[in-house]
Amino acid sequence: MFEDHKVRKMKLRTRMIYTSIFSLIALLFISLGHLYCTMLVIGLAFVSYREIISLKRIEEKDQKSIFSWIDWYYFGTFTFGVFPHILIKNK
């Protein structure tokens, strides 16, 4: 019972440290301005999309198919289609 409590305490401590680090990084990006916030959001979208695609492939038990590039094509088209509109400011 004591070991279980010790492990939980260690996991909680690790989570608190990483939460603090990621929160400070997010605040840093926010303080840098719109361009860096946009790059952060696009980077997070890329990582999230890659994870979703990998989970889909594991679920389908299909590592590579002929049309797997279409998933990334849609993501790239959307990202590079929206990215300039985010950067251009309305005057």
C-alpha atoms as a PDB file:
ATOM      1  CA  MET A   1       0.000   0.000   0.000  1.00  0.00           C
ATOM      2  CA  PHE A   2       2.838   2.372   0.830  1.00  0.00           C
ATOM      3  CA  GLU A   3       4.576   1.647  -2.501  1.00  0.00           C
ATOM      4  CA  ASP A   4       1.382   2.462  -4.403  1.00  0.00           C
ATOM      5  CA  HIS A   5       1.133   5.816  -2.627  1.00  0.00           C
ATOM      6  CA  LYS A   6       4.790   6.530  -3.376  1.00  0.00           C
ATOM      7  CA  VAL A   7       4.336   5.755  -7.070  1.00  0.00           C
ATOM      8  CA  ARG A   8       1.245   7.968  -7.277  1.00  0.00           C
ATOM      9  CA  LYS A   9       3.082  10.801  -5.584  1.00  0.00           C
ATOM     10  CA  MET A  10       5.978  10.480  -8.035  1.00  0.00           C
ATOM     11  CA  LYS A  11       3.623  10.464 -11.045  1.00  0.00           C
ATOM     12  CA  LEU A  12       1.795  13.522  -9.713  1.00  0.00           C
ATOM     13  CA  ARG A  13       5.081  15.350  -9.245  1.00  0.00           C
ATOM     14  CA  THR A  14       6.176  14.512 -12.787  1.00  0.00           C
ATOM     15  CA  ARG A  15       2.856  15.696 -14.219  1.00  0.00           C
ATOM     16  CA  MET A  16       3.056  18.948 -12.279  1.00  0.00           C
ATOM     17  CA  ILE A  17       6.588  19.635 -13.530  1.00  0.00           C
ATOM     18  CA  TYR A  18       5.672  18.987 -17.167  1.00  0.00           C
ATOM     19  CA  THR A  19       2.478  21.019 -16.840  1.00  0.00           C
ATOM     20  CA  SER A  20       4.484  23.952 -15.526  1.00  0.00           C
ATOM     21  CA  ILE A  21       7.054  23.665 -18.319  1.00  0.00           C
ATOM     22  CA  PHE A  22       4.438  23.457 -21.074  1.00  0.00           C
ATOM     23  CA  SER A  23       2.447  26.329 -19.572  1.00  0.00           C
ATOM     24  CA  LEU A  24       5.532  28.537 -19.510  1.00  0.00           C
ATOM     25  CA  ILE A  25       6.338  27.619 -23.114  1.00  0.00           C
ATOM     26  CA  ALA A  26       2.771  28.453 -24.170  1.00  0.00           C
ATOM     27  CA  LEU A  27       2.965  31.821 -22.380  1.00  0.00           C
ATOM     28  CA  LEU A  28       6.294  32.500 -24.090  1.00  0.00           C
ATOM     29  CA  PHE A  29       4.773  31.845 -27.515  1.00  0.00           C
ATOM     30  CA  ILE A  30       1.787  34.045 -26.688  1.00  0.00           C
ATOM     31  CA  SER A  31       4.059  36.885 -25.609  1.00  0.00           C
ATOM     32  CA  LEU A  32       6.094  36.626 -28.838  1.00  0.00           C
ATOM     33  CA  GLY A  33       3.120  37.570 -30.985  1.00  0.00           C
ATOM     34  CA  HIS A  34       0.752  36.372 -33.675  1.00  0.00           C
ATOM     35  CA  LEU A  35       3.282  34.774 -36.018  1.00  0.00           C
ATOM     36  CA  TYR A  36       4.746  32.516 -33.342  1.00  0.00           C
ATOM     37  CA  CYS A  37       1.300  31.615 -31.998  1.00  0.00           C
ATOM     38  CA  THR A  38       0.271  30.664 -35.524  1.00  0.00           C
ATOM     39  CA  MET A  39       3.361  28.513 -35.959  1.00  0.00           C
ATOM     40  CA  LEU A  40       2.677  26.860 -32.593  1.00  0.00           C
ATOM     41  CA  VAL A  41      -0.918  26.064 -33.561  1.00  0.00           C
ATOM     42  CA  ILE A  42       0.141  24.654 -36.942  1.00  0.00           C
ATOM     43  CA  GLY A  43       2.855  22.576 -35.264  1.00  0.00           C
ATOM     44  CA  LEU A  44       0.389  21.185 -32.742  1.00  0.00           C
ATOM     45  CA  ALA A  45      -2.098  20.472 -35.537  1.00  0.00           C
ATOM     46  CA  PHE A  46       0.612  18.578 -37.434  1.00  0.00           C
ATOM     47  CA  VAL A  47       1.533  16.449 -34.427  1.00  0.00           C
ATOM     48  CA  SER A  48      -2.134  15.761 -33.633  1.00  0.00           C
ATOM     49  CA  TYR A  49      -2.953  14.864 -37.227  1.00  0.00           C
ATOM     50  CA  ARG A  50       0.046  12.522 -37.448  1.00  0.00           C
ATOM     51  CA  GLU A  51      -1.115  10.758 -34.276  1.00  0.00           C
ATOM     52  CA  ILE A  52      -4.676  10.399 -35.562  1.00  0.00           C
ATOM     53  CA  ILE A  53      -3.461   8.975 -38.878  1.00  0.00           C
ATOM     54  CA  SER A  54      -1.198   6.492 -37.109  1.00  0.00           C
ATOM     55  CA  LEU A  55      -4.071   5.380 -34.852  1.00  0.00           C
ATOM     56  CA  LYS A  56      -6.298   4.951 -37.904  1.00  0.00           C
ATOM     57  CA  ARG A  57      -3.688   2.777 -39.594  1.00  0.00           C
ATOM     58  CA  ILE A  58      -3.237   0.635 -36.506  1.00  0.00           C
ATOM     59  CA  GLU A  59      -7.000   0.203 -36.248  1.00  0.00           C
ATOM     60  CA  GLU A  60      -7.259  -0.787 -39.909  1.00  0.00           C
ATOM     61  CA  LYS A  61      -4.121  -2.940 -39.665  1.00  0.00           C
ATOM     62  CA  ASP A  62      -2.933  -1.247 -42.829  1.00  0.00           C
ATOM     63  CA  GLN A  63       0.502   0.291 -42.436  1.00  0.00           C
ATOM     64  CA  LYS A  64       0.928   1.636 -45.954  1.00  0.00           C
ATOM     65  CA  SER A  65      -1.572   1.773 -48.736  1.00  0.00           C
ATOM     66  CA  ILE A  66      -1.421   3.243 -52.203  1.00  0.00           C
ATOM     67  CA  PHE A  67      -3.637   6.136 -51.158  1.00  0.00           C
ATOM     68  CA  SER A  68      -2.046   6.979 -47.802  1.00  0.00           C
ATOM     69  CA  TRP A  69      -0.529  10.135 -49.300  1.00  0.00           C
ATOM     70  CA  ILE A  70      -4.042  11.536 -49.800  1.00  0.00           C
ATOM     71  CA  ASP A  71      -4.441  12.050 -46.049  1.00  0.00           C
ATOM     72  CA  TRP A  72      -1.321  14.211 -45.948  1.00  0.00           C
ATOM     73  CA  TYR A  73      -2.311  15.974 -49.171  1.00  0.00           C
ATOM     74  CA  TYR A  74      -5.566  17.150 -47.578  1.00  0.00           C
ATOM     75  CA  PHE A  75      -3.734  18.296 -44.461  1.00  0.00           C
ATOM     76  CA  GLY A  76      -1.092  20.162 -46.475  1.00  0.00           C
ATOM     77  CA  THR A  77      -3.647  21.770 -48.758  1.00  0.00           C
ATOM     78  CA  PHE A  78      -5.686  23.001 -45.831  1.00  0.00           C
ATOM     79  CA  THR A  79      -2.644  24.208 -43.881  1.00  0.00           C
ATOM     80  CA  PHE A  80      -1.001  26.076 -46.722  1.00  0.00           C
ATOM     81  CA  GLY A  81      -4.351  27.361 -47.941  1.00  0.00           C
ATOM     82  CA  VAL A  82      -5.262  28.853 -44.567  1.00  0.00           C
ATOM     83  CA  PHE A  83      -1.793  29.924 -43.400  1.00  0.00           C
ATOM     84  CA  PRO A  84      -1.473  33.026 -45.665  1.00  0.00           C
ATOM     85  CA  HIS A  85      -4.934  34.242 -44.613  1.00  0.00           C
ATOM     86  CA  ILE A  86      -3.893  34.079 -40.981  1.00  0.00           C
ATOM     87  CA  LEU A  87      -0.743  36.107 -41.606  1.00  0.00           C
ATOM     88  CA  ILE A  88      -2.309  38.814 -43.757  1.00  0.00           C
ATOM     89  CA  LYS A  89      -3.735  41.577 -41.614  1.00  0.00           C
ATOM     90  CA  ASN A  90      -6.803  43.504 -42.716  1.00  0.00           C
ATOM     91  CA  LYS A  91      -6.062  47.193 -42.941  1.00  0.00           C
END
